[in-house]
Amino acid sequence: MSLSIDSNVGLVGGLAITLNFTGPTGSFDVTSGTTADCNNDPEVGDALLVANRNLPGTVTLAWIDVDGFATPAALASCRLSSTAVVTSADFSATVTEAVDNLGTIIVPLPVVTVTVALLP
């Protein structure tokens, strides 16, 4: 599945999202420990991404970029394993914090959308 900001909210210097999977079965994959198997999209450039799987169905993602990345932008993709058919409706993405490249809170907070695609 992938995450994106589809509207123009200017430059984003810091962003935090809680991503929940509410489908019938499934778990976000991890690369090691509690690090979720999530990767930055090239559209966010050099932004540093930290992704932590708090629970099998919950990931907290955070980006920081001192120069800011432009929006709209694809943010990241994360791997989720499930034995059921998964759709975008099985996810909720809540932006908990967003600031511009100068550290000013972005109001209103950007809306993040989730798109699902089958991965090899």
N, C-alpha and C. Protein backbone atom coordinates (compact mmCIF):
# COMPACT_ATOMS: atom_id res chain seq x y z
N MET A 1 0.84 -1.17 0.00
CA MET A 1 0.00 0.00 0.00
C MET A 1 0.89 1.23 0.00
N SER A 2 0.34 2.31 -0.48
CA SER A 2 1.13 3.53 -0.55
C SER A 2 0.34 4.70 0.03
N LEU A 3 1.09 5.71 0.47
CA LEU A 3 0.53 6.91 1.09
C LEU A 3 0.88 8.12 0.25
N SER A 4 -0.04 9.08 0.19
CA SER A 4 0.25 10.32 -0.54
C SER A 4 -0.54 11.48 0.04
N ILE A 5 0.01 12.68 -0.17
CA ILE A 5 -0.72 13.93 0.07
C ILE A 5 -1.13 14.40 -1.31
N ASP A 6 -2.43 14.49 -1.56
CA ASP A 6 -2.91 14.80 -2.91
C ASP A 6 -3.19 16.28 -3.13
N SER A 7 -3.07 17.10 -2.09
CA SER A 7 -3.32 18.53 -2.25
C SER A 7 -2.02 19.32 -2.02
N ASN A 8 -2.04 20.57 -2.45
CA ASN A 8 -0.88 21.43 -2.28
C ASN A 8 -0.99 22.14 -0.94
N VAL A 9 -0.13 21.75 0.00
CA VAL A 9 -0.09 22.42 1.30
C VAL A 9 1.24 23.15 1.47
N GLY A 10 1.94 23.36 0.36
CA GLY A 10 3.24 24.03 0.41
C GLY A 10 4.34 23.04 0.74
N LEU A 11 5.46 23.57 1.25
CA LEU A 11 6.58 22.72 1.62
C LEU A 11 6.32 22.06 2.98
N VAL A 12 6.66 20.78 3.09
CA VAL A 12 6.50 20.05 4.34
C VAL A 12 7.90 19.74 4.87
N GLY A 13 8.18 20.21 6.09
CA GLY A 13 9.47 19.96 6.73
C GLY A 13 9.42 18.84 7.74
N GLY A 14 8.22 18.58 8.28
CA GLY A 14 8.03 17.50 9.24
C GLY A 14 6.61 16.99 9.15
N LEU A 15 6.45 15.68 9.21
CA LEU A 15 5.14 15.07 9.08
C LEU A 15 5.11 13.80 9.90
N ALA A 16 4.03 13.59 10.66
CA ALA A 16 3.85 12.36 11.43
C ALA A 16 2.46 11.80 11.15
N ILE A 17 2.40 10.50 10.91
CA ILE A 17 1.14 9.83 10.56
C ILE A 17 1.02 8.54 11.36
N THR A 18 -0.19 8.26 11.82
CA THR A 18 -0.50 6.95 12.38
C THR A 18 -1.35 6.23 11.34
N LEU A 19 -0.88 5.07 10.92
CA LEU A 19 -1.55 4.28 9.90
C LEU A 19 -2.10 3.02 10.55
N ASN A 20 -3.40 2.81 10.44
CA ASN A 20 -4.05 1.64 11.02
C ASN A 20 -4.65 0.77 9.93
N PHE A 21 -4.43 -0.54 10.05
CA PHE A 21 -5.07 -1.52 9.19
C PHE A 21 -6.25 -2.07 9.95
N THR A 22 -7.45 -1.94 9.40
CA THR A 22 -8.66 -2.37 10.08
C THR A 22 -9.32 -3.54 9.38
N GLY A 23 -8.62 -4.16 8.43
CA GLY A 23 -9.17 -5.30 7.70
C GLY A 23 -9.28 -6.53 8.58
N PRO A 24 -9.85 -7.60 8.02
CA PRO A 24 -10.12 -8.79 8.82
C PRO A 24 -8.86 -9.55 9.26
N THR A 25 -7.85 -9.65 8.42
CA THR A 25 -6.61 -10.32 8.80
C THR A 25 -5.46 -9.60 8.14
N GLY A 26 -4.35 -9.54 8.83
CA GLY A 26 -3.18 -8.92 8.21
C GLY A 26 -2.28 -8.28 9.22
N SER A 27 -1.04 -8.06 8.79
CA SER A 27 -0.03 -7.48 9.65
C SER A 27 0.98 -6.74 8.78
N PHE A 28 1.38 -5.55 9.23
CA PHE A 28 2.44 -4.85 8.54
C PHE A 28 3.73 -5.64 8.69
N ASP A 29 4.48 -5.79 7.60
CA ASP A 29 5.75 -6.51 7.63
C ASP A 29 6.80 -5.64 8.31
N VAL A 30 7.79 -6.30 8.92
CA VAL A 30 8.91 -5.59 9.53
C VAL A 30 10.21 -6.03 8.87
N THR A 31 11.19 -5.13 8.88
CA THR A 31 12.51 -5.47 8.34
C THR A 31 13.40 -6.01 9.44
N SER A 32 13.25 -5.46 10.65
CA SER A 32 13.95 -5.97 11.83
C SER A 32 13.33 -5.31 13.06
N GLY A 33 13.27 -6.05 14.17
CA GLY A 33 12.70 -5.50 15.39
C GLY A 33 11.30 -4.97 15.16
N THR A 34 11.11 -3.67 15.38
CA THR A 34 9.81 -3.04 15.15
C THR A 34 9.83 -2.09 13.95
N THR A 35 10.90 -2.13 13.15
CA THR A 35 10.99 -1.25 11.98
C THR A 35 10.09 -1.80 10.87
N ALA A 36 9.07 -1.03 10.52
CA ALA A 36 8.13 -1.45 9.48
C ALA A 36 8.82 -1.45 8.12
N ASP A 37 8.38 -2.36 7.26
CA ASP A 37 8.92 -2.47 5.90
C ASP A 37 8.27 -1.40 5.03
N CYS A 38 8.74 -0.16 5.19
CA CYS A 38 8.23 1.00 4.46
C CYS A 38 9.40 1.71 3.79
N ASN A 39 9.14 2.25 2.60
CA ASN A 39 10.18 2.95 1.84
C ASN A 39 9.67 4.28 1.35
N ASN A 40 10.54 5.29 1.42
CA ASN A 40 10.24 6.61 0.89
C ASN A 40 9.93 6.53 -0.60
N ASP A 41 9.04 7.37 -1.03
CA ASP A 41 8.82 7.55 -2.45
C ASP A 41 9.83 8.60 -2.93
N PRO A 42 10.31 8.48 -4.17
CA PRO A 42 11.26 9.48 -4.68
C PRO A 42 10.75 10.92 -4.63
N GLU A 43 9.44 11.13 -4.63
CA GLU A 43 8.89 12.49 -4.62
C GLU A 43 9.23 13.26 -3.34
N VAL A 44 9.56 12.58 -2.25
CA VAL A 44 9.92 13.29 -1.01
C VAL A 44 11.42 13.53 -0.92
N GLY A 45 12.14 13.17 -1.97
CA GLY A 45 13.57 13.48 -2.05
C GLY A 45 14.38 12.90 -0.92
N ASP A 46 15.14 13.77 -0.24
CA ASP A 46 16.04 13.33 0.82
C ASP A 46 15.41 13.31 2.21
N ALA A 47 14.09 13.44 2.29
CA ALA A 47 13.44 13.42 3.60
C ALA A 47 13.76 12.12 4.32
N LEU A 48 14.07 12.23 5.61
CA LEU A 48 14.35 11.06 6.43
C LEU A 48 13.03 10.46 6.89
N LEU A 49 12.85 9.15 6.66
CA LEU A 49 11.65 8.43 7.06
C LEU A 49 11.97 7.47 8.19
N VAL A 50 11.16 7.52 9.25
CA VAL A 50 11.22 6.54 10.33
C VAL A 50 9.84 5.89 10.38
N ALA A 51 9.81 4.54 10.35
CA ALA A 51 8.55 3.81 10.37
C ALA A 51 8.62 2.74 11.44
N ASN A 52 7.73 2.82 12.41
CA ASN A 52 7.75 1.89 13.54
C ASN A 52 6.42 1.16 13.62
N ARG A 53 6.49 -0.19 13.62
CA ARG A 53 5.27 -0.98 13.78
C ARG A 53 5.01 -1.13 15.28
N ASN A 54 3.99 -0.42 15.76
CA ASN A 54 3.63 -0.45 17.17
C ASN A 54 2.87 -1.73 17.52
N LEU A 55 1.96 -2.11 16.67
CA LEU A 55 1.16 -3.32 16.78
C LEU A 55 1.13 -3.93 15.38
N PRO A 56 0.75 -5.20 15.25
CA PRO A 56 0.73 -5.79 13.90
C PRO A 56 -0.06 -4.96 12.88
N GLY A 57 -1.12 -4.27 13.31
CA GLY A 57 -1.93 -3.49 12.39
C GLY A 57 -1.75 -1.99 12.50
N THR A 58 -0.71 -1.53 13.19
CA THR A 58 -0.49 -0.08 13.36
C THR A 58 0.96 0.28 13.10
N VAL A 59 1.16 1.28 12.26
CA VAL A 59 2.50 1.80 11.98
C VAL A 59 2.48 3.31 12.19
N THR A 60 3.50 3.81 12.86
CA THR A 60 3.71 5.24 12.99
C THR A 60 4.83 5.62 12.04
N LEU A 61 4.56 6.59 11.17
CA LEU A 61 5.55 7.05 10.20
C LEU A 61 5.84 8.52 10.46
N ALA A 62 7.10 8.91 10.30
CA ALA A 62 7.48 10.31 10.47
C ALA A 62 8.56 10.66 9.47
N TRP A 63 8.43 11.86 8.90
CA TRP A 63 9.42 12.38 7.94
C TRP A 63 9.95 13.69 8.48
N ILE A 64 11.23 13.96 8.19
CA ILE A 64 11.81 15.26 8.49
C ILE A 64 12.70 15.64 7.31
N ASP A 65 12.58 16.90 6.92
CA ASP A 65 13.36 17.41 5.79
C ASP A 65 13.59 18.90 6.05
N VAL A 66 14.82 19.29 6.37
CA VAL A 66 15.10 20.68 6.73
C VAL A 66 14.80 21.65 5.60
N ASP A 67 14.89 21.20 4.35
CA ASP A 67 14.56 22.06 3.21
C ASP A 67 13.08 22.00 2.85
N GLY A 68 12.40 20.94 3.30
CA GLY A 68 10.99 20.73 2.98
C GLY A 68 10.83 20.05 1.64
N PHE A 69 9.80 19.24 1.54
CA PHE A 69 9.47 18.63 0.24
C PHE A 69 8.14 19.20 -0.24
N ALA A 70 8.03 19.33 -1.56
CA ALA A 70 6.86 19.96 -2.17
C ALA A 70 5.67 19.01 -2.17
N THR A 71 4.48 19.60 -2.08
CA THR A 71 3.24 18.85 -2.18
C THR A 71 2.44 19.37 -3.36
N PRO A 72 1.57 18.55 -3.95
CA PRO A 72 1.23 17.18 -3.60
C PRO A 72 2.43 16.26 -3.82
N ALA A 73 2.43 15.13 -3.09
CA ALA A 73 3.55 14.19 -3.20
C ALA A 73 3.14 12.79 -2.76
N ALA A 74 3.68 11.80 -3.46
CA ALA A 74 3.62 10.44 -2.97
C ALA A 74 4.61 10.37 -1.82
N LEU A 75 4.25 9.72 -0.71
CA LEU A 75 5.08 9.73 0.48
C LEU A 75 5.90 8.46 0.65
N ALA A 76 5.24 7.32 0.68
CA ALA A 76 5.93 6.06 0.98
C ALA A 76 5.06 4.88 0.60
N SER A 77 5.68 3.72 0.57
CA SER A 77 4.94 2.47 0.42
C SER A 77 5.34 1.56 1.57
N CYS A 78 4.38 0.78 2.06
CA CYS A 78 4.60 -0.16 3.15
C CYS A 78 4.04 -1.52 2.75
N ARG A 79 4.71 -2.57 3.20
CA ARG A 79 4.26 -3.92 2.91
C ARG A 79 3.39 -4.44 4.04
N LEU A 80 2.29 -5.07 3.65
CA LEU A 80 1.37 -5.68 4.59
C LEU A 80 1.07 -7.08 4.07
N SER A 81 1.11 -8.07 4.95
CA SER A 81 0.78 -9.44 4.58
C SER A 81 -0.62 -9.75 5.07
N SER A 82 -1.44 -10.34 4.20
CA SER A 82 -2.80 -10.69 4.56
C SER A 82 -3.25 -11.89 3.74
N THR A 83 -4.11 -12.69 4.33
CA THR A 83 -4.69 -13.82 3.60
C THR A 83 -6.02 -13.43 2.98
N ALA A 84 -6.49 -12.21 3.23
CA ALA A 84 -7.75 -11.72 2.69
C ALA A 84 -7.49 -10.66 1.63
N VAL A 85 -8.51 -10.35 0.85
CA VAL A 85 -8.42 -9.26 -0.11
C VAL A 85 -8.40 -7.95 0.68
N VAL A 86 -7.44 -7.10 0.37
CA VAL A 86 -7.25 -5.83 1.07
C VAL A 86 -7.58 -4.69 0.12
N THR A 87 -8.33 -3.70 0.61
CA THR A 87 -8.65 -2.51 -0.17
C THR A 87 -8.25 -1.26 0.60
N SER A 88 -8.29 -0.13 -0.05
CA SER A 88 -7.96 1.14 0.60
C SER A 88 -8.89 1.43 1.78
N ALA A 89 -10.12 0.92 1.73
CA ALA A 89 -11.08 1.13 2.81
C ALA A 89 -10.66 0.42 4.10
N ASP A 90 -9.70 -0.50 4.02
CA ASP A 90 -9.22 -1.23 5.19
C ASP A 90 -8.17 -0.46 5.99
N PHE A 91 -7.88 0.77 5.60
CA PHE A 91 -6.85 1.57 6.24
C PHE A 91 -7.40 2.92 6.67
N SER A 92 -6.85 3.43 7.76
CA SER A 92 -7.09 4.83 8.12
C SER A 92 -5.73 5.46 8.39
N ALA A 93 -5.53 6.64 7.84
CA ALA A 93 -4.28 7.38 8.02
C ALA A 93 -4.62 8.69 8.71
N THR A 94 -4.06 8.88 9.90
CA THR A 94 -4.31 10.09 10.67
C THR A 94 -3.02 10.90 10.78
N VAL A 95 -3.06 12.11 10.26
CA VAL A 95 -1.91 13.01 10.40
C VAL A 95 -1.95 13.58 11.81
N THR A 96 -0.89 13.33 12.56
CA THR A 96 -0.84 13.82 13.94
C THR A 96 -0.02 15.10 14.08
N GLU A 97 0.83 15.37 13.09
CA GLU A 97 1.62 16.59 13.12
C GLU A 97 2.12 16.89 11.72
N ALA A 98 2.12 18.17 11.37
CA ALA A 98 2.68 18.62 10.10
C ALA A 98 3.18 20.04 10.27
N VAL A 99 4.44 20.25 9.87
CA VAL A 99 5.03 21.58 9.92
C VAL A 99 5.71 21.87 8.58
N ASP A 100 5.83 23.15 8.27
CA ASP A 100 6.53 23.51 7.04
C ASP A 100 8.03 23.52 7.28
N ASN A 101 8.79 23.93 6.28
CA ASN A 101 10.25 23.90 6.40
C ASN A 101 10.80 24.92 7.39
N LEU A 102 9.95 25.82 7.89
CA LEU A 102 10.38 26.79 8.90
C LEU A 102 9.90 26.40 10.29
N GLY A 103 9.20 25.25 10.40
CA GLY A 103 8.72 24.77 11.68
C GLY A 103 7.35 25.27 12.08
N THR A 104 6.66 25.97 11.17
CA THR A 104 5.32 26.48 11.44
C THR A 104 4.29 25.37 11.19
N ILE A 105 3.37 25.20 12.14
CA ILE A 105 2.34 24.18 12.01
C ILE A 105 1.49 24.45 10.77
N ILE A 106 1.24 23.42 9.99
CA ILE A 106 0.40 23.53 8.80
C ILE A 106 -1.05 23.36 9.24
N VAL A 107 -1.86 24.40 8.95
CA VAL A 107 -3.28 24.40 9.31
C VAL A 107 -4.09 24.69 8.05
N PRO A 108 -5.08 23.86 7.74
CA PRO A 108 -5.41 22.60 8.39
C PRO A 108 -4.35 21.55 8.05
N LEU A 109 -4.33 20.49 8.87
CA LEU A 109 -3.40 19.39 8.61
C LEU A 109 -3.70 18.78 7.25
N PRO A 110 -2.68 18.34 6.53
CA PRO A 110 -2.92 17.72 5.23
C PRO A 110 -3.67 16.39 5.39
N VAL A 111 -4.39 16.03 4.36
CA VAL A 111 -5.09 14.75 4.32
C VAL A 111 -4.20 13.78 3.56
N VAL A 112 -4.00 12.60 4.13
CA VAL A 112 -3.18 11.56 3.50
C VAL A 112 -4.10 10.46 3.00
N THR A 113 -3.92 10.06 1.75
CA THR A 113 -4.72 8.98 1.18
C THR A 113 -3.90 7.71 1.08
N VAL A 114 -4.61 6.58 1.12
CA VAL A 114 -3.99 5.26 1.04
C VAL A 114 -4.45 4.60 -0.24
N THR A 115 -3.49 4.04 -0.98
CA THR A 115 -3.78 3.29 -2.20
C THR A 115 -3.21 1.89 -2.04
N VAL A 116 -3.97 0.89 -2.45
CA VAL A 116 -3.54 -0.49 -2.32
C VAL A 116 -3.18 -1.07 -3.68
N ALA A 117 -2.06 -1.76 -3.73
CA ALA A 117 -1.64 -2.47 -4.94
C ALA A 117 -0.98 -3.77 -4.51
N LEU A 118 -1.15 -4.81 -5.28
CA LEU A 118 -0.49 -6.07 -4.99
C LEU A 118 0.99 -5.95 -5.32
N LEU A 119 1.83 -6.39 -4.39
CA LEU A 119 3.27 -6.36 -4.59
C LEU A 119 3.79 -7.77 -4.77
N PRO A 120 4.87 -7.91 -5.52
CA PRO A 120 5.43 -9.26 -5.72
C PRO A 120 6.00 -9.81 -4.43
